Amino acid sequence: MAALEYYDIIQKPVLTEKSMNMMGEKKYTFFVHPEANKTQIKEAVEKMFDGTKVAKVNTLNAQGKKRRRGMTIGFTAKTKKAVVTLTEDSKDIEIFQGL
């Protein structure tokens, strides 16, 4: 696979009740590219959002669910989530303001 750029790594934010509650603790959740590692995710967040400093990154791999269509069995796409914790002196991410 070709090298991942920072704009390819962060796919979209996760907007759930739990992830919205964690924003008060400066923790933000994103869907990320399945082959991205923690270092790449940290660099991507710091480049995409000015003034942010990442303290740590936790990742979660979710396998695809089994789906059937008649006798054919297949799987949905696997996903990867990243929970990014910002430092105390870091700016908040503006994409989540007003939600």
Protein backbone atom coordinates (compact mmCIF):
# COMPACT_ATOMS: atom_id res chain seq x y z
CA MET A 1 0.00 0.00 0.00
CA ALA A 2 1.13 3.55 -0.66
CA ALA A 3 2.33 5.74 2.19
CA LEU A 4 -0.49 7.30 4.20
CA GLU A 5 -0.70 11.09 4.31
CA TYR A 6 -2.14 12.84 7.37
CA TYR A 7 -5.38 13.71 5.56
CA ASP A 8 -5.92 10.01 4.72
CA ILE A 9 -5.55 8.83 8.32
CA ILE A 10 -8.42 10.69 10.04
CA GLN A 11 -11.64 9.62 8.30
CA LYS A 12 -14.44 11.12 10.42
CA PRO A 13 -15.35 11.84 14.04
CA VAL A 14 -17.41 9.43 16.12
CA LEU A 15 -20.53 11.23 17.33
CA THR A 16 -22.07 9.15 20.09
CA GLU A 17 -23.33 10.05 23.53
CA LYS A 18 -20.29 8.48 25.18
CA SER A 19 -17.80 10.25 22.90
CA MET A 20 -19.56 13.59 23.45
CA ASN A 21 -19.28 13.16 27.24
CA MET A 22 -15.55 12.42 26.95
CA MET A 23 -14.94 15.77 25.23
CA GLY A 24 -15.11 17.48 28.62
CA GLU A 25 -12.01 15.49 29.58
CA LYS A 26 -10.28 16.55 26.29
CA LYS A 27 -10.71 13.10 24.74
CA TYR A 28 -11.84 12.97 21.11
CA THR A 29 -12.84 9.87 19.14
CA PHE A 30 -12.23 9.39 15.41
CA PHE A 31 -12.63 6.65 12.82
CA VAL A 32 -9.14 6.19 11.36
CA HIS A 33 -7.53 4.23 8.53
CA PRO A 34 -7.22 0.54 9.56
CA GLU A 35 -3.48 0.44 8.80
CA ALA A 36 -2.55 3.65 10.65
CA ASN A 37 -0.48 3.33 13.82
CA LYS A 38 -0.57 5.50 16.94
CA THR A 39 2.35 7.69 15.89
CA GLN A 40 0.74 8.47 12.55
CA ILE A 41 -2.59 9.26 14.23
CA LYS A 42 -0.87 11.64 16.68
CA GLU A 43 0.91 13.50 13.86
CA ALA A 44 -2.29 13.70 11.78
CA VAL A 45 -4.32 15.26 14.61
CA GLU A 46 -1.60 17.81 15.38
CA LYS A 47 -1.33 18.80 11.69
CA MET A 48 -5.07 18.93 10.95
CA PHE A 49 -6.07 20.94 14.03
CA ASP A 50 -3.85 23.93 14.81
CA GLY A 51 -2.79 24.44 18.42
CA THR A 52 -3.50 20.89 19.55
CA LYS A 53 -0.96 18.80 21.44
CA VAL A 54 -1.68 15.08 21.80
CA ALA A 55 -0.84 13.45 25.12
CA LYS A 56 -1.75 9.87 24.15
CA VAL A 57 -3.66 7.79 21.62
CA ASN A 58 -5.68 4.64 22.33
CA THR A 59 -6.85 2.51 19.40
CA LEU A 60 -9.59 -0.09 18.96
CA ASN A 61 -9.89 -2.55 16.07
CA ALA A 62 -13.41 -3.76 15.27
CA GLN A 63 -13.82 -6.75 12.97
CA GLY A 64 -16.53 -6.76 10.32
CA LYS A 65 -19.91 -8.23 11.18
CA LYS A 66 -21.22 -11.33 9.45
CA ARG A 67 -24.03 -10.62 6.98
CA ARG A 68 -26.10 -12.98 4.87
CA ARG A 69 -27.92 -12.50 1.62
CA GLY A 70 -29.67 -15.73 0.86
CA MET A 71 -27.12 -18.54 0.99
CA THR A 72 -24.17 -16.20 0.51
CA ILE A 73 -22.30 -15.21 3.65
CA GLY A 74 -19.99 -12.19 3.79
CA PHE A 75 -18.56 -9.65 6.17
CA THR A 76 -18.87 -5.88 6.44
CA ALA A 77 -15.70 -3.79 6.39
CA LYS A 78 -13.50 -3.79 9.48
CA THR A 79 -13.00 -0.44 11.22
CA LYS A 80 -10.52 1.19 13.55
CA LYS A 81 -11.27 3.87 16.15
CA ALA A 82 -8.81 6.13 17.93
CA VAL A 83 -9.41 7.95 21.21
CA VAL A 84 -7.07 10.96 21.25
CA THR A 85 -6.30 12.60 24.60
CA LEU A 86 -5.07 16.20 24.43
CA THR A 87 -2.78 17.90 26.94
CA GLU A 88 -4.16 20.40 29.46
CA ASP A 89 -2.60 23.43 27.71
CA SER A 90 -3.82 22.33 24.29
CA LYS A 91 -6.59 24.08 22.36
CA ASP A 92 -9.90 22.27 21.89
CA ILE A 93 -10.82 20.86 18.50
CA GLU A 94 -13.32 23.28 16.91
CA ILE A 95 -15.05 20.68 14.73
CA PHE A 96 -16.99 19.53 17.80
CA GLN A 97 -18.12 22.98 18.99
CA GLY A 98 -21.86 23.59 18.88
CA LEU A 99 -22.86 19.91 18.72
